[in-house]
Protein backbone atom coordinates (compact mmCIF):
# COMPACT_ATOMS: atom_id res chain seq x y z
CA MET A 1 89.05 118.55 121.20
CA GLU A 2 87.95 119.17 124.70
CA GLU A 3 91.49 118.96 125.87
CA ILE A 4 92.85 121.23 123.19
CA ARG A 5 90.37 123.82 124.01
CA LYS A 6 90.87 123.66 127.73
CA GLN A 7 94.56 124.46 126.88
CA MET A 8 93.87 127.37 125.05
CA ALA A 9 91.52 128.53 127.85
CA GLN A 10 94.63 128.36 130.03
CA VAL A 11 96.51 130.53 127.81
CA ILE A 12 93.62 133.36 127.74
CA TYR A 13 93.60 133.21 131.57
CA ARG A 14 97.16 134.16 131.54
CA VAL A 15 96.83 137.00 129.22
CA LEU A 16 93.95 138.29 131.41
CA SER A 17 96.03 137.81 134.39
CA GLY A 18 99.00 139.82 132.78
CA ASP A 19 101.22 136.54 133.07
CA MET A 20 101.70 136.54 129.38
CA SER A 21 101.08 139.02 126.59
CA ALA A 22 98.61 138.79 123.80
CA GLY A 23 101.30 138.84 121.40
CA GLU A 24 103.07 135.74 123.33
CA ALA A 25 99.77 133.92 123.17
CA ILE A 26 99.10 134.51 119.51
CA ARG A 27 102.87 133.11 119.04
CA GLN A 28 101.77 130.07 120.99
CA TYR A 29 98.63 129.64 119.07
CA ASP A 30 100.80 129.58 115.96
CA ALA A 31 103.37 126.96 117.28
CA GLU A 32 100.86 124.56 119.18
CA PHE A 33 96.91 125.25 118.16
CA ARG A 34 96.93 126.65 114.59
CA PRO A 35 97.32 123.02 112.96
CA LYS A 36 94.29 121.46 115.22
CA ASP A 37 91.28 121.23 113.27
CA ASP A 38 88.97 123.06 115.77
CA GLN A 39 87.34 126.43 114.68
CA SER A 40 86.61 127.35 118.24
CA ILE A 41 90.44 127.51 118.93
CA HIS A 42 90.68 129.45 115.69
CA ARG A 43 87.76 131.67 116.81
CA ALA A 44 89.71 132.24 120.32
CA ALA A 45 92.88 133.09 118.62
CA HIS A 46 90.96 135.84 116.49
CA ALA A 47 89.73 137.52 119.70
CA LEU A 48 93.29 137.43 120.86
CA CYS A 49 94.31 139.65 118.34
CA HIS A 50 91.59 141.51 118.47
CA TYR A 51 92.67 141.93 122.39
CA ARG A 52 96.43 142.55 121.38
CA ASP A 53 95.52 145.32 118.56
CA ASP A 54 93.22 147.06 120.72
CA ALA A 55 95.56 147.47 123.80
CA ASP A 56 95.64 151.53 123.20
CA ILE A 57 92.09 151.71 123.18
CA ARG A 58 91.29 149.98 126.49
CA LYS A 59 93.80 152.24 128.09
CA LYS A 60 91.55 155.39 126.49
CA ASP A 61 88.11 153.95 126.93
CA GLU A 62 87.46 152.44 130.25
CA GLU A 63 84.00 150.86 129.13
CA TYR A 64 85.52 149.22 125.96
CA SER A 65 88.09 147.68 127.91
CA GLU A 66 85.61 146.09 130.57
CA ARG A 67 83.53 144.95 127.41
CA GLN A 68 86.48 143.44 125.75
CA THR A 69 87.79 141.90 128.59
CA THR A 70 84.83 140.42 129.77
CA ALA A 71 84.06 139.01 126.06
CA LEU A 72 87.64 137.24 126.40
CA LYS A 73 86.89 135.76 129.79
CA ARG A 74 83.75 134.34 128.73
CA ILE A 75 85.38 132.87 125.57
CA ALA A 76 87.84 131.15 128.11
CA ASP A 77 85.44 129.95 130.43
CA LYS A 78 83.56 128.29 127.65
CA LEU A 79 86.71 126.86 126.15
CA ALA A 80 87.87 125.75 129.84
CA ASP A 81 84.47 123.70 130.25
CA GLY A 82 85.60 121.87 126.97
CA LEU A 83 82.39 123.58 124.73
CA PRO A 84 82.89 124.74 121.36
CA LEU A 85 82.45 128.65 120.41
CA SER A 86 79.45 129.82 118.31
CA ASP A 87 80.37 131.32 114.72
CA LYS A 88 80.16 135.00 116.56
CA GLU A 89 82.08 134.47 119.23
CA GLY A 90 85.51 135.67 118.93
CA TYR A 91 84.35 138.50 116.79
CA TRP A 92 83.61 141.76 118.08
């Protein structure tokens, strides 16, 4: 499971760097990661859905943008270390 978490972290980092859209990341999750039985991956995908859906809010609210981006980076950092996400991570 650690390897799949690290792969998902790389996808999130690509979103945060602007190399991939959140929508593309979610499509990749559906194709590659959804079948995996790892709740941490599913929680990270949930966070990506919020990130995609809240793009308009982030443009209008710098504080919200910073909080959401920081939370998504924390998720990616944890996954990059192969660590599981808690029940509350991925939900905001």
